[in-house]
Protein backbone atom coordinates (compact mmCIF):
# COMPACT_ATOMS: atom_id res chain seq x y z
CA MET A 1 94.54 -24.14 23.03
CA GLU A 2 94.43 -20.84 21.27
CA LYS A 3 91.61 -19.42 19.26
CA GLU A 4 92.15 -16.64 16.77
CA ARG A 5 89.96 -13.57 16.91
CA THR A 6 89.23 -11.28 14.02
CA ASP A 7 91.34 -8.49 15.49
CA GLN A 8 94.40 -10.78 15.43
CA SER A 9 94.82 -10.96 19.23
CA PRO A 10 94.86 -14.55 20.53
CA VAL A 11 92.36 -15.71 23.15
CA VAL A 12 93.65 -18.41 25.44
CA GLU A 13 91.12 -20.85 26.88
CA VAL A 14 91.94 -21.91 30.40
CA TRP A 15 91.31 -25.61 31.00
CA TRP A 16 90.29 -25.19 34.64
CA LYS A 17 87.76 -22.40 34.12
CA PRO A 18 84.67 -24.68 33.83
CA ALA A 19 85.66 -26.52 37.01
CA ILE A 20 85.93 -23.27 38.96
CA LEU A 21 82.59 -22.13 37.58
CA ILE A 22 80.87 -25.34 38.69
CA PHE A 23 82.58 -25.17 42.09
CA SER A 24 81.44 -21.61 42.67
CA LYS A 25 77.84 -22.32 41.69
CA VAL A 26 77.67 -25.41 43.90
CA SER A 27 79.32 -23.61 46.82
CA TRP A 28 76.81 -20.78 46.46
CA TRP A 29 73.91 -23.24 46.80
CA ILE A 30 75.48 -24.83 49.88
CA LEU A 31 76.45 -21.65 51.71
CA TRP A 32 73.56 -19.20 51.34
CA PRO A 33 70.57 -21.43 52.09
CA ILE A 34 72.27 -22.65 55.26
CA ILE A 35 73.16 -19.13 56.41
CA LEU A 36 69.64 -17.85 55.71
CA SER A 37 68.05 -20.83 57.44
CA LEU A 38 70.21 -20.33 60.53
CA ILE A 39 69.25 -16.67 60.76
CA LEU A 40 65.56 -17.33 60.10
CA GLY A 41 65.41 -20.37 62.39
CA LYS A 42 67.09 -18.56 65.28
CA TYR A 43 64.76 -15.60 64.85
CA LEU A 44 61.63 -17.76 64.76
CA ASP A 45 62.78 -19.76 67.80
CA TYR A 46 63.41 -16.52 69.69
CA ARG A 47 60.10 -15.02 68.57
CA PHE A 48 57.95 -18.01 69.51
CA ALA A 49 60.14 -19.46 72.31
CA THR A 50 60.35 -22.87 70.68
CA ALA A 51 64.03 -23.75 71.34
CA PRO A 52 65.44 -25.63 68.35
CA ARG A 53 62.20 -26.49 66.53
CA TYR A 54 62.20 -23.81 63.82
CA LEU A 55 65.97 -23.87 63.50
CA LEU A 56 65.91 -27.58 62.68
CA ILE A 57 62.98 -27.18 60.31
CA CYS A 58 64.68 -24.32 58.45
CA VAL A 59 67.98 -26.20 58.22
CA GLY A 60 66.18 -29.29 56.92
CA VAL A 61 64.34 -27.30 54.27
CA SER A 62 67.54 -25.51 53.23
CA PHE A 63 69.31 -28.86 52.93
CA ILE A 64 66.59 -30.16 50.60
CA VAL A 65 66.67 -26.96 48.52
CA SER A 66 70.48 -27.09 48.33
CA MET A 67 70.55 -30.72 47.21
CA PHE A 68 67.89 -30.10 44.56
CA GLN A 69 69.73 -27.10 43.14
CA ILE A 70 73.11 -28.86 43.18
CA PHE A 71 71.56 -31.82 41.36
CA THR A 72 70.06 -29.45 38.77
CA ILE A 73 73.40 -27.68 38.22
CA LEU A 74 75.36 -30.91 37.89
CA LYS A 75 72.77 -32.42 35.56
CA LYS A 76 73.10 -29.39 33.28
CA TYR A 77 76.89 -29.64 33.17
CA MET A 78 76.80 -33.39 32.59
CA LYS A 79 74.66 -32.79 29.49
CA GLU A 80 77.15 -30.18 28.26
CA ILE A 81 80.05 -32.58 28.79
CA GLU A 82 78.23 -35.35 26.90
CA GLN A 83 77.53 -32.99 23.99
CA GLU A 84 81.18 -31.93 23.88
CA ALA A 85 82.25 -35.57 23.88
CA LYS A 86 79.91 -36.31 20.96
CA THR A 87 81.24 -33.38 18.94
CA ASP A 88 84.81 -34.43 19.70
CA LYS A 89 84.09 -37.95 18.45
CA LYS A 90 82.55 -36.55 15.26
CA SER A 91 85.51 -34.27 14.63
CA ASP A 92 88.00 -37.13 15.16
CA LYS A 93 86.45 -39.18 12.33
């Protein structure tokens, strides 16, 4: 697919770009909450001498936050895909 620009240089749309964008956003919400919870949980366990208690609590909270954010991201992209499908159906008629 090529789109023409006003300055006569073609812009090529890459078909895999949206997939990489979704993958990177989802990976971000998996990686960083877990890393932060591990650091915070280990620190709190060391500070209060409570073995794995705070570590497990922090990891559990980060898991819930990650799942909520991933669901939100995927819901947004599903709406975009549905809208594109509707416009494609309209343009085919």
